[in-house]
Each structure stands twice: as structure tokens, then as C-alpha cells.
Full PDB file with SEQRES, HELIX, SHEET, SSBOND, CRYST1, ORIGX, SCALE, CONECT and MASTER records, all heavy atoms in Angstrom:
SEQRES   1 A   40  ALA ALA ARG VAL LEU ALA LEU ARG GLU GLU LEU ALA VAL          
SEQRES   2 A   40  LEU VAL ASP ASP ALA ARG SER LEU GLY ARG ALA ALA THR          
SEQRES   3 A   40  GLY GLY PRO LEU ASP GLY TYR THR ALA ALA MET ALA PHE          
SEQRES   4 A   40  ALA                                                          
HELIX    1 AA1 ALA A    2  ALA A   24  1                                  23    
HELIX    2 AA2 ASP A   31  PHE A   39  1                                   9    
CRYST1    1.000    1.000    1.000  90.00  90.00  90.00 P 1           1          
ORIGX1      1.000000  0.000000  0.000000        0.00000                         
ORIGX2      0.000000  1.000000  0.000000        0.00000                         
ORIGX3      0.000000  0.000000  1.000000        0.00000                         
SCALE1      1.000000  0.000000  0.000000        0.00000                         
SCALE2      0.000000  1.000000  0.000000        0.00000                         
SCALE3      0.000000  0.000000  1.000000        0.00000                         
ATOM      1  N   ALA A   1      -2.981 -22.325  -8.104  1.00  0.00           N  
ATOM      2  CA  ALA A   1      -3.957 -21.485  -8.835  1.00  0.00           C  
ATOM      3  C   ALA A   1      -4.719 -20.650  -7.824  1.00  0.00           C  
ATOM      4  O   ALA A   1      -5.014 -19.457  -8.153  1.00  0.00           O  
ATOM      5  CB  ALA A   1      -4.916 -22.383  -9.617  1.00  0.00           C  
ATOM      6  N   ALA A   2      -5.098 -21.171  -6.723  1.00  0.00           N  
ATOM      7  CA  ALA A   2      -5.858 -20.418  -5.717  1.00  0.00           C  
ATOM      8  C   ALA A   2      -5.027 -19.295  -5.172  1.00  0.00           C  
ATOM      9  O   ALA A   2      -5.555 -18.191  -4.926  1.00  0.00           O  
ATOM     10  CB  ALA A   2      -6.289 -21.372  -4.620  1.00  0.00           C  
ATOM     11  N   ARG A   3      -3.719 -19.548  -5.007  1.00  0.00           N  
ATOM     12  CA  ARG A   3      -2.825 -18.461  -4.540  1.00  0.00           C  
ATOM     13  C   ARG A   3      -2.776 -17.293  -5.555  1.00  0.00           C  
ATOM     14  O   ARG A   3      -2.759 -16.119  -5.181  1.00  0.00           O  
ATOM     15  CB  ARG A   3      -1.447 -18.979  -4.262  1.00  0.00           C  
ATOM     16  CG  ARG A   3      -1.343 -19.834  -2.968  1.00  0.00           C  
ATOM     17  CD  ARG A   3      -0.039 -20.632  -2.950  1.00  0.00           C  
ATOM     18  NE  ARG A   3       1.144 -19.773  -3.090  1.00  0.00           N  
ATOM     19  CZ  ARG A   3       2.350 -20.214  -3.457  1.00  0.00           C  
ATOM     20  NH1 ARG A   3       2.525 -21.510  -3.728  1.00  0.00           N  
ATOM     21  NH2 ARG A   3       3.342 -19.427  -3.540  1.00  0.00           N  
ATOM     22  N   VAL A   4      -2.735 -17.644  -6.812  1.00  0.00           N  
ATOM     23  CA  VAL A   4      -2.714 -16.616  -7.886  1.00  0.00           C  
ATOM     24  C   VAL A   4      -3.987 -15.819  -7.854  1.00  0.00           C  
ATOM     25  O   VAL A   4      -3.999 -14.545  -7.917  1.00  0.00           O  
ATOM     26  CB  VAL A   4      -2.475 -17.259  -9.243  1.00  0.00           C  
ATOM     27  CG1 VAL A   4      -2.608 -16.209 -10.355  1.00  0.00           C  
ATOM     28  CG2 VAL A   4      -1.082 -17.863  -9.337  1.00  0.00           C  
ATOM     29  N   LEU A   5      -5.120 -16.508  -7.716  1.00  0.00           N  
ATOM     30  CA  LEU A   5      -6.433 -15.834  -7.732  1.00  0.00           C  
ATOM     31  C   LEU A   5      -6.613 -14.967  -6.448  1.00  0.00           C  
ATOM     32  O   LEU A   5      -7.425 -14.076  -6.449  1.00  0.00           O  
ATOM     33  CB  LEU A   5      -7.544 -16.897  -7.827  1.00  0.00           C  
ATOM     34  CG  LEU A   5      -7.611 -17.606  -9.176  1.00  0.00           C  
ATOM     35  CD1 LEU A   5      -8.660 -18.690  -9.080  1.00  0.00           C  
ATOM     36  CD2 LEU A   5      -7.890 -16.623 -10.310  1.00  0.00           C  
ATOM     37  N   ALA A   6      -5.855 -15.273  -5.389  1.00  0.00           N  
ATOM     38  CA  ALA A   6      -5.983 -14.472  -4.195  1.00  0.00           C  
ATOM     39  C   ALA A   6      -5.094 -13.216  -4.238  1.00  0.00           C  
ATOM     40  O   ALA A   6      -5.149 -12.372  -3.325  1.00  0.00           O  
ATOM     41  CB  ALA A   6      -5.579 -15.294  -2.966  1.00  0.00           C  
ATOM     42  N   LEU A   7      -4.213 -13.142  -5.272  1.00  0.00           N  
ATOM     43  CA  LEU A   7      -3.285 -11.995  -5.324  1.00  0.00           C  
ATOM     44  C   LEU A   7      -4.016 -10.667  -5.385  1.00  0.00           C  
ATOM     45  O   LEU A   7      -3.659  -9.700  -4.763  1.00  0.00           O  
ATOM     46  CB  LEU A   7      -2.379 -12.149  -6.566  1.00  0.00           C  
ATOM     47  CG  LEU A   7      -1.152 -13.033  -6.384  1.00  0.00           C  
ATOM     48  CD1 LEU A   7      -0.468 -13.185  -7.732  1.00  0.00           C  
ATOM     49  CD2 LEU A   7      -0.182 -12.437  -5.365  1.00  0.00           C  
ATOM     50  N   ARG A   8      -5.092 -10.581  -6.205  1.00  0.00           N  
ATOM     51  CA  ARG A   8      -5.794  -9.285  -6.356  1.00  0.00           C  
ATOM     52  C   ARG A   8      -6.365  -8.848  -5.061  1.00  0.00           C  
ATOM     53  O   ARG A   8      -6.292  -7.654  -4.680  1.00  0.00           O  
ATOM     54  CB  ARG A   8      -6.838  -9.380  -7.427  1.00  0.00           C  
ATOM     55  CG  ARG A   8      -7.557  -8.072  -7.815  1.00  0.00           C  
ATOM     56  CD  ARG A   8      -8.503  -8.263  -8.954  1.00  0.00           C  
ATOM     57  NE  ARG A   8      -7.873  -8.677 -10.145  1.00  0.00           N  
ATOM     58  CZ  ARG A   8      -7.314  -7.805 -11.038  1.00  0.00           C  
ATOM     59  NH1 ARG A   8      -7.302  -6.491 -10.791  1.00  0.00           N  
ATOM     60  NH2 ARG A   8      -6.815  -8.240 -12.154  1.00  0.00           N  
ATOM     61  N   GLU A   9      -6.941  -9.783  -4.296  1.00  0.00           N  
ATOM     62  CA  GLU A   9      -7.511  -9.424  -2.993  1.00  0.00           C  
ATOM     63  C   GLU A   9      -6.422  -8.966  -2.066  1.00  0.00           C  
ATOM     64  O   GLU A   9      -6.589  -7.947  -1.332  1.00  0.00           O  
ATOM     65  CB  GLU A   9      -8.282 -10.628  -2.434  1.00  0.00           C  
ATOM     66  CG  GLU A   9      -8.970 -10.324  -1.091  1.00  0.00           C  
ATOM     67  CD  GLU A   9      -9.733 -11.475  -0.581  1.00  0.00           C  
ATOM     68  OE1 GLU A   9      -9.946 -12.458  -1.375  1.00  0.00           O  
ATOM     69  OE2 GLU A   9     -10.065 -11.464   0.603  1.00  0.00           O  
ATOM     70  N   GLU A  10      -5.295  -9.660  -2.065  1.00  0.00           N  
ATOM     71  CA  GLU A  10      -4.195  -9.262  -1.216  1.00  0.00           C  
ATOM     72  C   GLU A  10      -3.613  -7.941  -1.591  1.00  0.00           C  
ATOM     73  O   GLU A  10      -3.285  -7.133  -0.731  1.00  0.00           O  
ATOM     74  CB  GLU A  10      -3.093 -10.375  -1.288  1.00  0.00           C  
ATOM     75  CG  GLU A  10      -1.789 -10.069  -0.515  1.00  0.00           C  
ATOM     76  CD  GLU A  10      -2.070  -9.933   1.017  1.00  0.00           C  
ATOM     77  OE1 GLU A  10      -3.089 -10.421   1.464  1.00  0.00           O  
ATOM     78  OE2 GLU A  10      -1.180  -9.389   1.699  1.00  0.00           O  
ATOM     79  N   LEU A  11      -3.552  -7.674  -2.908  1.00  0.00           N  
ATOM     80  CA  LEU A  11      -3.040  -6.384  -3.390  1.00  0.00           C  
ATOM     81  C   LEU A  11      -3.994  -5.217  -2.971  1.00  0.00           C  
ATOM     82  O   LEU A  11      -3.557  -4.157  -2.554  1.00  0.00           O  
ATOM     83  CB  LEU A  11      -2.971  -6.351  -4.923  1.00  0.00           C  
ATOM     84  CG  LEU A  11      -1.682  -6.921  -5.496  1.00  0.00           C  
ATOM     85  CD1 LEU A  11      -1.756  -7.026  -7.039  1.00  0.00           C  
ATOM     86  CD2 LEU A  11      -0.436  -6.105  -5.072  1.00  0.00           C  
ATOM     87  N   ALA A  12      -5.350  -5.514  -3.004  1.00  0.00           N  
ATOM     88  CA  ALA A  12      -6.274  -4.498  -2.542  1.00  0.00           C  
ATOM     89  C   ALA A  12      -6.035  -4.171  -1.073  1.00  0.00           C  
ATOM     90  O   ALA A  12      -6.097  -2.958  -0.670  1.00  0.00           O  
ATOM     91  CB  ALA A  12      -7.713  -4.974  -2.768  1.00  0.00           C  
ATOM     92  N   VAL A  13      -5.819  -5.182  -0.257  1.00  0.00           N  
ATOM     93  CA  VAL A  13      -5.529  -4.947   1.140  1.00  0.00           C  
ATOM     94  C   VAL A  13      -4.247  -4.153   1.315  1.00  0.00           C  
ATOM     95  O   VAL A  13      -4.166  -3.223   2.097  1.00  0.00           O  
ATOM     96  CB  VAL A  13      -5.475  -6.272   1.952  1.00  0.00           C  
ATOM     97  CG1 VAL A  13      -4.990  -6.066   3.348  1.00  0.00           C  
ATOM     98  CG2 VAL A  13      -6.820  -7.003   1.902  1.00  0.00           C  
ATOM     99  N   LEU A  14      -3.238  -4.529   0.560  1.00  0.00           N  
ATOM    100  CA  LEU A  14      -1.963  -3.805   0.614  1.00  0.00           C  
ATOM    101  C   LEU A  14      -2.103  -2.342   0.222  1.00  0.00           C  
ATOM    102  O   LEU A  14      -1.448  -1.449   0.805  1.00  0.00           O  
ATOM    103  CB  LEU A  14      -0.939  -4.515  -0.275  1.00  0.00           C  
ATOM    104  CG  LEU A  14      -0.362  -5.856   0.248  1.00  0.00           C  
ATOM    105  CD1 LEU A  14       0.482  -6.559  -0.823  1.00  0.00           C  
ATOM    106  CD2 LEU A  14       0.491  -5.655   1.494  1.00  0.00           C  
ATOM    107  N   VAL A  15      -2.905  -2.092  -0.832  1.00  0.00           N  
ATOM    108  CA  VAL A  15      -3.068  -0.701  -1.247  1.00  0.00           C  
ATOM    109  C   VAL A  15      -3.728   0.127  -0.145  1.00  0.00           C  
ATOM    110  O   VAL A  15      -3.323   1.230   0.231  1.00  0.00           O  
ATOM    111  CB  VAL A  15      -3.944  -0.630  -2.511  1.00  0.00           C  
ATOM    112  CG1 VAL A  15      -4.403   0.821  -2.818  1.00  0.00           C  
ATOM    113  CG2 VAL A  15      -3.140  -1.184  -3.741  1.00  0.00           C  
ATOM    114  N   ASP A  16      -4.753  -0.453   0.497  1.00  0.00           N  
ATOM    115  CA  ASP A  16      -5.424   0.220   1.612  1.00  0.00           C  
ATOM    116  C   ASP A  16      -4.460   0.472   2.754  1.00  0.00           C  
ATOM    117  O   ASP A  16      -4.422   1.601   3.348  1.00  0.00           O  
ATOM    118  CB  ASP A  16      -6.628  -0.591   2.083  1.00  0.00           C  
ATOM    119  CG  ASP A  16      -7.812  -0.562   1.112  1.00  0.00           C  
ATOM    120  OD1 ASP A  16      -7.807   0.353   0.242  1.00  0.00           O  
ATOM    121  OD2 ASP A  16      -8.673  -1.414   1.231  1.00  0.00           O  
ATOM    122  N   ASP A  17      -3.660  -0.548   3.092  1.00  0.00           N  
ATOM    123  CA  ASP A  17      -2.695  -0.365   4.148  1.00  0.00           C  
ATOM    124  C   ASP A  17      -1.636   0.698   3.811  1.00  0.00           C  
ATOM    125  O   ASP A  17      -1.208   1.513   4.658  1.00  0.00           O  
ATOM    126  CB  ASP A  17      -2.023  -1.639   4.457  1.00  0.00           C  
ATOM    127  CG  ASP A  17      -2.927  -2.637   5.187  1.00  0.00           C  
ATOM    128  OD1 ASP A  17      -4.050  -2.220   5.598  1.00  0.00           O  
ATOM    129  OD2 ASP A  17      -2.632  -3.844   5.209  1.00  0.00           O  
ATOM    130  N   ALA A  18      -1.151   0.751   2.517  1.00  0.00           N  
ATOM    131  CA  ALA A  18      -0.132   1.669   2.143  1.00  0.00           C  
ATOM    132  C   ALA A  18      -0.697   3.098   2.156  1.00  0.00           C  
ATOM    133  O   ALA A  18      -0.018   4.059   2.595  1.00  0.00           O  
ATOM    134  CB  ALA A  18       0.339   1.353   0.718  1.00  0.00           C  
ATOM    135  N   ARG A  19      -1.997   3.264   1.779  1.00  0.00           N  
ATOM    136  CA  ARG A  19      -2.636   4.579   1.841  1.00  0.00           C  
ATOM    137  C   ARG A  19      -2.765   5.027   3.284  1.00  0.00           C  
ATOM    138  O   ARG A  19      -2.570   6.212   3.615  1.00  0.00           O  
ATOM    139  CB  ARG A  19      -3.977   4.542   1.156  1.00  0.00           C  
ATOM    140  CG  ARG A  19      -3.864   4.558  -0.379  1.00  0.00           C  
ATOM    141  CD  ARG A  19      -5.235   4.280  -0.980  1.00  0.00           C  
ATOM    142  NE  ARG A  19      -5.269   4.522  -2.441  1.00  0.00           N  
ATOM    143  CZ  ARG A  19      -6.279   4.210  -3.215  1.00  0.00           C  
ATOM    144  NH1 ARG A  19      -7.305   3.555  -2.735  1.00  0.00           N  
ATOM    145  NH2 ARG A  19      -6.244   4.493  -4.490  1.00  0.00           N  
ATOM    146  N   SER A  20      -3.145   4.089   4.146  1.00  0.00           N  
ATOM    147  CA  SER A  20      -3.318   4.448   5.588  1.00  0.00           C  
ATOM    148  C   SER A  20      -1.964   4.894   6.153  1.00  0.00           C  
ATOM    149  O   SER A  20      -1.885   5.891   6.911  1.00  0.00           O  
ATOM    150  CB  SER A  20      -3.845   3.257   6.279  1.00  0.00           C  
ATOM    151  OG  SER A  20      -3.939   3.485   7.710  1.00  0.00           O  
ATOM    152  N   LEU A  21      -0.927   4.151   5.824  1.00  0.00           N  
ATOM    153  CA  LEU A  21       0.420   4.529   6.285  1.00  0.00           C  
ATOM    154  C   LEU A  21       0.807   5.877   5.719  1.00  0.00           C  
ATOM    155  O   LEU A  21       1.412   6.721   6.416  1.00  0.00           O  
ATOM    156  CB  LEU A  21       1.436   3.462   5.884  1.00  0.00           C  
ATOM    157  CG  LEU A  21       2.880   3.768   6.205  1.00  0.00           C  
ATOM    158  CD1 LEU A  21       3.102   3.947   7.726  1.00  0.00           C  
ATOM    159  CD2 LEU A  21       3.784   2.665   5.675  1.00  0.00           C  
ATOM    160  N   GLY A  22       0.458   6.097   4.487  1.00  0.00           N  
ATOM    161  CA  GLY A  22       0.817   7.394   3.830  1.00  0.00           C  
ATOM    162  C   GLY A  22       0.126   8.596   4.518  1.00  0.00           C  
ATOM    163  O   GLY A  22       0.800   9.629   4.762  1.00  0.00           O  
ATOM    164  N   ARG A  23      -1.109   8.401   4.919  1.00  0.00           N  
ATOM    165  CA  ARG A  23      -1.784   9.474   5.646  1.00  0.00           C  
ATOM    166  C   ARG A  23      -1.149   9.716   6.964  1.00  0.00           C  
ATOM    167  O   ARG A  23      -0.998  10.894   7.417  1.00  0.00           O  
ATOM    168  CB  ARG A  23      -3.290   9.125   5.799  1.00  0.00           C  
ATOM    169  CG  ARG A  23      -4.102   9.210   4.496  1.00  0.00           C  
ATOM    170  CD  ARG A  23      -5.602   9.116   4.778  1.00  0.00           C  
ATOM    171  NE  ARG A  23      -5.978   7.787   5.262  1.00  0.00           N  
ATOM    172  CZ  ARG A  23      -6.337   6.778   4.423  1.00  0.00           C  
ATOM    173  NH1 ARG A  23      -6.350   6.961   3.111  1.00  0.00           N  
ATOM    174  NH2 ARG A  23      -6.662   5.611   4.897  1.00  0.00           N  
ATOM    175  N   ALA A  24      -0.734   8.661   7.649  1.00  0.00           N  
ATOM    176  CA  ALA A  24      -0.106   8.790   8.983  1.00  0.00           C  
ATOM    177  C   ALA A  24       1.289   9.397   8.839  1.00  0.00           C  
ATOM    178  O   ALA A  24       1.791  10.001   9.795  1.00  0.00           O  
ATOM    179  CB  ALA A  24      -0.068   7.477   9.686  1.00  0.00           C  
ATOM    180  N   ALA A  25       1.965   9.225   7.732  1.00  0.00           N  
ATOM    181  CA  ALA A  25       3.321   9.625   7.568  1.00  0.00           C  
ATOM    182  C   ALA A  25       3.427  10.979   6.867  1.00  0.00           C  
ATOM    183  O   ALA A  25       4.582  11.450   6.610  1.00  0.00           O  
ATOM    184  CB  ALA A  25       4.097   8.579   6.792  1.00  0.00           C  
ATOM    185  N   THR A  26       2.311  11.608   6.539  1.00  0.00           N  
ATOM    186  CA  THR A  26       2.349  12.833   5.787  1.00  0.00           C  
ATOM    187  C   THR A  26       3.223  13.873   6.466  1.00  0.00           C  
ATOM    188  O   THR A  26       3.098  14.143   7.695  1.00  0.00           O  
ATOM    189  CB  THR A  26       0.904  13.446   5.618  1.00  0.00           C  
ATOM    190  OG1 THR A  26       0.102  12.508   4.913  1.00  0.00           O  
ATOM    191  CG2 THR A  26       0.954  14.755   4.871  1.00  0.00           C  
ATOM    192  N   GLY A  27       4.140  14.474   5.710  1.00  0.00           N  
ATOM    193  CA  GLY A  27       5.031  15.522   6.215  1.00  0.00           C  
ATOM    194  C   GLY A  27       6.275  15.037   6.889  1.00  0.00           C  
ATOM    195  O   GLY A  27       7.167  15.795   7.197  1.00  0.00           O  
ATOM    196  N   GLY A  28       6.385  13.730   7.083  1.00  0.00           N  
ATOM    197  CA  GLY A  28       7.500  13.206   7.816  1.00  0.00           C  
ATOM    198  C   GLY A  28       8.486  12.537   6.852  1.00  0.00           C  
ATOM    199  O   GLY A  28       8.282  12.506   5.630  1.00  0.00           O  
ATOM    200  N   PRO A  29       9.555  11.922   7.389  1.00  0.00           N  
ATOM    201  CA  PRO A  29      10.552  11.313   6.519  1.00  0.00           C  
ATOM    202  C   PRO A  29      10.071  10.063   5.756  1.00  0.00           C  
ATOM    203  O   PRO A  29      10.708   9.671   4.769  1.00  0.00           O  
ATOM    204  CB  PRO A  29      11.696  10.914   7.505  1.00  0.00           C  
ATOM    205  CG  PRO A  29      10.993  10.823   8.825  1.00  0.00           C  
ATOM    206  CD  PRO A  29       9.882  11.817   8.804  1.00  0.00           C  
ATOM    207  N   LEU A  30       8.949   9.526   6.159  1.00  0.00           N  
ATOM    208  CA  LEU A  30       8.437   8.343   5.425  1.00  0.00           C  
ATOM    209  C   LEU A  30       7.442   8.734   4.337  1.00  0.00           C  
ATOM    210  O   LEU A  30       7.015   7.850   3.542  1.00  0.00           O  
ATOM    211  CB  LEU A  30       7.695   7.452   6.471  1.00  0.00           C  
ATOM    212  CG  LEU A  30       8.465   6.939   7.666  1.00  0.00           C  
ATOM    213  CD1 LEU A  30       7.599   6.049   8.547  1.00  0.00           C  
ATOM    214  CD2 LEU A  30       9.746   6.245   7.296  1.00  0.00           C  
ATOM    215  N   ASP A  31       7.136   9.993   4.249  1.00  0.00           N  
ATOM    216  CA  ASP A  31       6.070  10.452   3.363  1.00  0.00           C  
ATOM    217  C   ASP A  31       6.244   9.983   1.910  1.00  0.00           C  
ATOM    218  O   ASP A  31       5.445   9.350   1.273  1.00  0.00           O  
ATOM    219  CB  ASP A  31       5.959  11.966   3.444  1.00  0.00           C  
ATOM    220  CG  ASP A  31       4.644  12.498   2.772  1.00  0.00           C  
ATOM    221  OD1 ASP A  31       3.939  11.695   2.169  1.00  0.00           O  
ATOM    222  OD2 ASP A  31       4.381  13.707   2.883  1.00  0.00           O  
ATOM    223  N   GLY A  32       7.478  10.342   1.365  1.00  0.00           N  
ATOM    224  CA  GLY A  32       7.742  10.030  -0.055  1.00  0.00           C  
ATOM    225  C   GLY A  32       7.724   8.514  -0.323  1.00  0.00           C  
ATOM    226  O   GLY A  32       7.215   8.087  -1.355  1.00  0.00           O  
ATOM    227  N   TYR A  33       8.302   7.758   0.587  1.00  0.00           N  
ATOM    228  CA  TYR A  33       8.347   6.322   0.384  1.00  0.00           C  
ATOM    229  C   TYR A  33       6.998   5.697   0.385  1.00  0.00           C  
ATOM    230  O   TYR A  33       6.670   4.814  -0.440  1.00  0.00           O  
ATOM    231  CB  TYR A  33       9.256   5.675   1.476  1.00  0.00           C  
ATOM    232  CG  TYR A  33      10.630   6.242   1.517  1.00  0.00           C  
ATOM    233  CD1 TYR A  33      11.085   6.770   2.702  1.00  0.00           C  
ATOM    234  CD2 TYR A  33      11.426   6.216   0.451  1.00  0.00           C  
ATOM    235  CE1 TYR A  33      12.406   7.321   2.786  1.00  0.00           C  
ATOM    236  CE2 TYR A  33      12.762   6.765   0.467  1.00  0.00           C  
ATOM    237  CZ  TYR A  33      13.184   7.281   1.636  1.00  0.00           C  
ATOM    238  OH  TYR A  33      14.500   7.841   1.720  1.00  0.00           O  
ATOM    239  N   THR A  34       6.114   6.101   1.336  1.00  0.00           N  
ATOM    240  CA  THR A  34       4.817   5.480   1.439  1.00  0.00           C  
ATOM    241  C   THR A  34       3.941   5.848   0.209  1.00  0.00           C  
ATOM    242  O   THR A  34       3.180   5.005  -0.256  1.00  0.00           O  
ATOM    243  CB  THR A  34       4.133   5.919   2.724  1.00  0.00           C  
ATOM    244  OG1 THR A  34       4.032   7.356   2.700  1.00  0.00           O  
ATOM    245  CG2 THR A  34       4.821   5.421   3.912  1.00  0.00           C  
ATOM    246  N   ALA A  35       4.097   7.049  -0.265  1.00  0.00           N  
ATOM    247  CA  ALA A  35       3.331   7.447  -1.465  1.00  0.00           C  
ATOM    248  C   ALA A  35       3.820   6.630  -2.661  1.00  0.00           C  
ATOM    249  O   ALA A  35       2.950   6.119  -3.488  1.00  0.00           O  
ATOM    250  CB  ALA A  35       3.510   8.919  -1.703  1.00  0.00           C  
ATOM    251  N   ALA A  36       5.146   6.464  -2.824  1.00  0.00           N  
ATOM    252  CA  ALA A  36       5.613   5.685  -3.972  1.00  0.00           C  
ATOM    253  C   ALA A  36       5.159   4.227  -3.870  1.00  0.00           C  
ATOM    254  O   ALA A  36       4.823   3.638  -4.890  1.00  0.00           O  
ATOM    255  CB  ALA A  36       7.151   5.705  -3.932  1.00  0.00           C  
ATOM    256  N   MET A  37       5.147   3.661  -2.658  1.00  0.00           N  
ATOM    257  CA  MET A  37       4.684   2.307  -2.500  1.00  0.00           C  
ATOM    258  C   MET A  37       3.283   2.143  -2.852  1.00  0.00           C  
ATOM    259  O   MET A  37       2.852   1.182  -3.575  1.00  0.00           O  
ATOM    260  CB  MET A  37       4.906   1.871  -1.032  1.00  0.00           C  
ATOM    261  CG  MET A  37       4.562   0.397  -0.792  1.00  0.00           C  
ATOM    262  SD  MET A  37       5.104  -0.187   0.840  1.00  0.00           S  
ATOM    263  CE  MET A  37       4.205   0.882   1.925  1.00  0.00           C  
ATOM    264  N   ALA A  38       2.385   3.082  -2.418  1.00  0.00           N  
ATOM    265  CA  ALA A  38       0.965   3.019  -2.740  1.00  0.00           C  
ATOM    266  C   ALA A  38       0.720   3.063  -4.220  1.00  0.00           C  
ATOM    267  O   ALA A  38      -0.058   2.287  -4.802  1.00  0.00           O  
ATOM    268  CB  ALA A  38       0.214   4.102  -1.993  1.00  0.00           C  
ATOM    269  N   PHE A  39       1.392   4.003  -4.901  1.00  0.00           N  
ATOM    270  CA  PHE A  39       1.178   4.132  -6.365  1.00  0.00           C  
ATOM    271  C   PHE A  39       1.721   2.872  -7.091  1.00  0.00           C  
ATOM    272  O   PHE A  39       1.077   2.435  -8.102  1.00  0.00           O  
ATOM    273  CB  PHE A  39       1.913   5.396  -6.860  1.00  0.00           C  
ATOM    274  CG  PHE A  39       1.201   6.641  -6.531  1.00  0.00           C  
ATOM    275  CD1 PHE A  39       1.775   7.695  -5.861  1.00  0.00           C  
ATOM    276  CD2 PHE A  39      -0.147   6.873  -7.044  1.00  0.00           C  
ATOM    277  CE1 PHE A  39       1.083   8.849  -5.586  1.00  0.00           C  
ATOM    278  CE2 PHE A  39      -0.831   8.025  -6.754  1.00  0.00           C  
ATOM    279  CZ  PHE A  39      -0.263   9.015  -6.026  1.00  0.00           C  
ATOM    280  N   ALA A  40       2.809   2.313  -6.585  1.00  0.00           N  
ATOM    281  CA  ALA A  40       3.351   1.136  -7.275  1.00  0.00           C  
ATOM    282  C   ALA A  40       2.412  -0.065  -7.120  1.00  0.00           C  
ATOM    283  O   ALA A  40       2.202  -0.826  -8.030  1.00  0.00           O  
ATOM    284  CB  ALA A  40       4.750   0.808  -6.659  1.00  0.00           C  
TER     285      ALA A  40                                                      
MASTER        0    0    0    2    0    0    0    6  284    1    0    4          
END                                                                             
């Protein structure tokens, strides 16, 4: 149960990390993938 309740916090961290990667990858070959990951 605790692991399930920690999912939202972990997802929030993942969203921030994906956005950070997206900013760093803008214009490069990773750009589209990182944007898709962040939105997903």
C-alpha cells in the first residue's frame, strides 16, 4: 500500500526529470522522444 501511495510522488519527480531532459534535448534527435515521455 505504501508503494502505491508513493507512486504519485515518484511520478512528479519523473515528470520534472523528463521536462529537464526535454529542455536539454531541444532541437536534437532526442527532442521528440523526451517531449512524448513528459506528456505521457
